[in-house]
């Protein structure tokens, strides 16, 4: 089965496509596709798990927290991106901070890479 890596590079106020990327991760995982999520550039800010009302088009925090429940266990957060935004993900965020080299290797191994 092909592995899919979803790369989120847009921050919470930059693009609405991120919500669709997280939905896609949940759907793919439901059908047992190997799927991973990578937060890079301004996308690392999604790791703040913003508390927004469900009616907000930016309300994806609950979905991000639920990724491990759908067996999406590979959630990579770009360490350099966090440093450039002077940001550290909270301890309860289900992702791992990794180097850009680790992200590059991960994306090279994925069969399909989609970006938002």
Protein backbone atom coordinates (compact mmCIF):
# COMPACT_ATOMS: atom_id res chain seq x y z
CA UNK A 1 0.00 0.00 0.00
CA UNK A 2 1.32 3.44 -0.89
CA UNK A 3 2.35 5.76 1.91
CA UNK A 4 1.09 9.35 1.91
CA UNK A 5 2.84 12.31 3.54
CA UNK A 6 0.79 15.46 4.05
CA UNK A 7 2.93 18.59 4.44
CA UNK A 8 1.32 21.62 6.06
CA UNK A 9 3.34 24.78 5.45
CA UNK A 10 0.65 27.43 5.91
CA UNK A 11 -0.10 28.93 9.28
CA UNK A 12 -3.52 29.12 10.94
CA UNK A 13 -4.36 32.51 9.40
CA UNK A 14 -2.88 31.89 5.94
CA UNK A 15 -4.86 29.16 4.21
CA UNK A 16 -8.05 27.20 4.66
CA UNK A 17 -6.63 24.21 2.75
CA UNK A 18 -5.03 23.00 5.95
CA UNK A 19 -8.39 21.88 7.31
CA UNK A 20 -8.85 19.71 4.23
CA UNK A 21 -5.35 18.26 4.67
CA UNK A 22 -6.15 17.19 8.23
CA UNK A 23 -9.50 15.75 7.07
CA UNK A 24 -7.64 13.88 4.32
CA UNK A 25 -5.23 12.40 6.89
CA UNK A 26 -8.18 11.13 8.94
CA UNK A 27 -9.93 9.64 5.90
CA UNK A 28 -6.78 7.94 4.61
CA UNK A 29 -6.04 6.52 8.05
CA UNK A 30 -9.63 5.25 8.31
CA UNK A 31 -8.97 3.18 5.19
CA UNK A 32 -5.66 1.99 6.69
CA UNK A 33 -3.36 3.90 4.36
CA UNK A 34 0.03 4.62 5.92
CA UNK A 35 -0.22 8.39 6.38
CA UNK A 36 2.01 10.95 8.06
CA UNK A 37 1.70 14.67 8.74
CA UNK A 38 4.59 17.13 8.52
CA UNK A 39 4.35 20.66 9.92
CA UNK A 40 6.90 23.01 8.34
CA UNK A 41 7.47 26.74 7.95
CA UNK A 42 4.44 28.64 9.33
CA UNK A 43 2.63 25.29 9.55
CA UNK A 44 4.43 24.60 12.83
CA UNK A 45 2.05 27.10 14.45
CA UNK A 46 -0.74 24.51 14.13
CA UNK A 47 1.00 22.67 16.95
CA UNK A 48 -0.24 25.38 19.33
CA UNK A 49 -3.60 23.55 19.31
CA UNK A 50 -5.52 26.83 19.13
CA UNK A 51 -8.75 26.84 21.09
CA UNK A 52 -11.21 28.05 18.48
CA UNK A 53 -14.96 27.55 18.29
CA UNK A 54 -16.03 24.60 16.14
CA UNK A 55 -17.79 27.02 13.78
CA UNK A 56 -14.46 28.66 12.91
CA UNK A 57 -12.95 27.56 9.58
CA UNK A 58 -9.63 27.35 11.43
CA UNK A 59 -10.86 24.91 14.12
CA UNK A 60 -8.65 21.89 13.51
CA UNK A 61 -7.12 21.54 16.95
CA UNK A 62 -9.36 18.65 17.98
CA UNK A 63 -8.62 16.83 14.75
CA UNK A 64 -4.88 17.25 15.19
CA UNK A 65 -5.12 15.84 18.71
CA UNK A 66 -7.11 12.87 17.39
CA UNK A 67 -4.62 11.84 14.68
CA UNK A 68 -2.99 9.17 16.90
CA UNK A 69 -6.45 7.66 17.53
CA UNK A 70 -6.63 7.03 13.78
CA UNK A 71 -3.18 5.42 13.81
CA UNK A 72 -1.50 8.50 12.33
CA UNK A 73 1.52 8.16 14.53
CA UNK A 74 4.08 9.96 12.38
CA UNK A 75 3.56 13.66 13.01
CA UNK A 76 6.76 15.58 12.38
CA UNK A 77 7.29 19.19 13.45
CA UNK A 78 10.16 21.09 11.85
CA UNK A 79 12.60 22.11 14.60
CA UNK A 80 14.10 24.93 12.53
CA UNK A 81 10.61 26.28 11.76
CA UNK A 82 9.82 26.35 15.47
CA UNK A 83 13.05 28.22 16.16
CA UNK A 84 12.31 30.81 13.46
CA UNK A 85 8.86 31.43 14.98
CA UNK A 86 10.31 31.33 18.54
CA UNK A 87 7.83 28.58 19.35
CA UNK A 88 7.82 25.27 21.20
CA UNK A 89 4.90 22.84 20.80
CA UNK A 90 3.07 22.07 24.04
CA UNK A 91 3.88 18.76 25.72
CA UNK A 92 0.42 17.35 24.90
CA UNK A 93 0.91 17.82 21.14
CA UNK A 94 1.20 14.36 19.56
CA UNK A 95 4.07 15.23 17.21
CA UNK A 96 7.86 15.00 17.39
CA UNK A 97 10.24 17.86 16.73
CA UNK A 98 12.79 16.79 14.11
CA UNK A 99 15.43 18.33 11.86
CA UNK A 100 14.81 19.33 8.26
CA UNK A 101 17.14 16.54 7.19
CA UNK A 102 14.91 14.00 8.96
CA UNK A 103 11.86 15.52 7.24
CA UNK A 104 13.60 15.38 3.86
CA UNK A 105 14.44 11.68 4.36
CA UNK A 106 10.86 10.98 5.43
CA UNK A 107 9.43 12.73 2.36
CA UNK A 108 11.87 10.93 0.07
CA UNK A 109 10.59 7.60 1.41
CA UNK A 110 6.89 8.49 0.97
CA UNK A 111 5.13 7.29 -2.19
CA UNK A 112 2.89 10.38 -2.37
CA UNK A 113 3.57 13.85 -0.94
CA UNK A 114 0.82 16.49 -0.83
CA UNK A 115 1.36 20.05 0.39
CA UNK A 116 -0.86 22.85 1.67
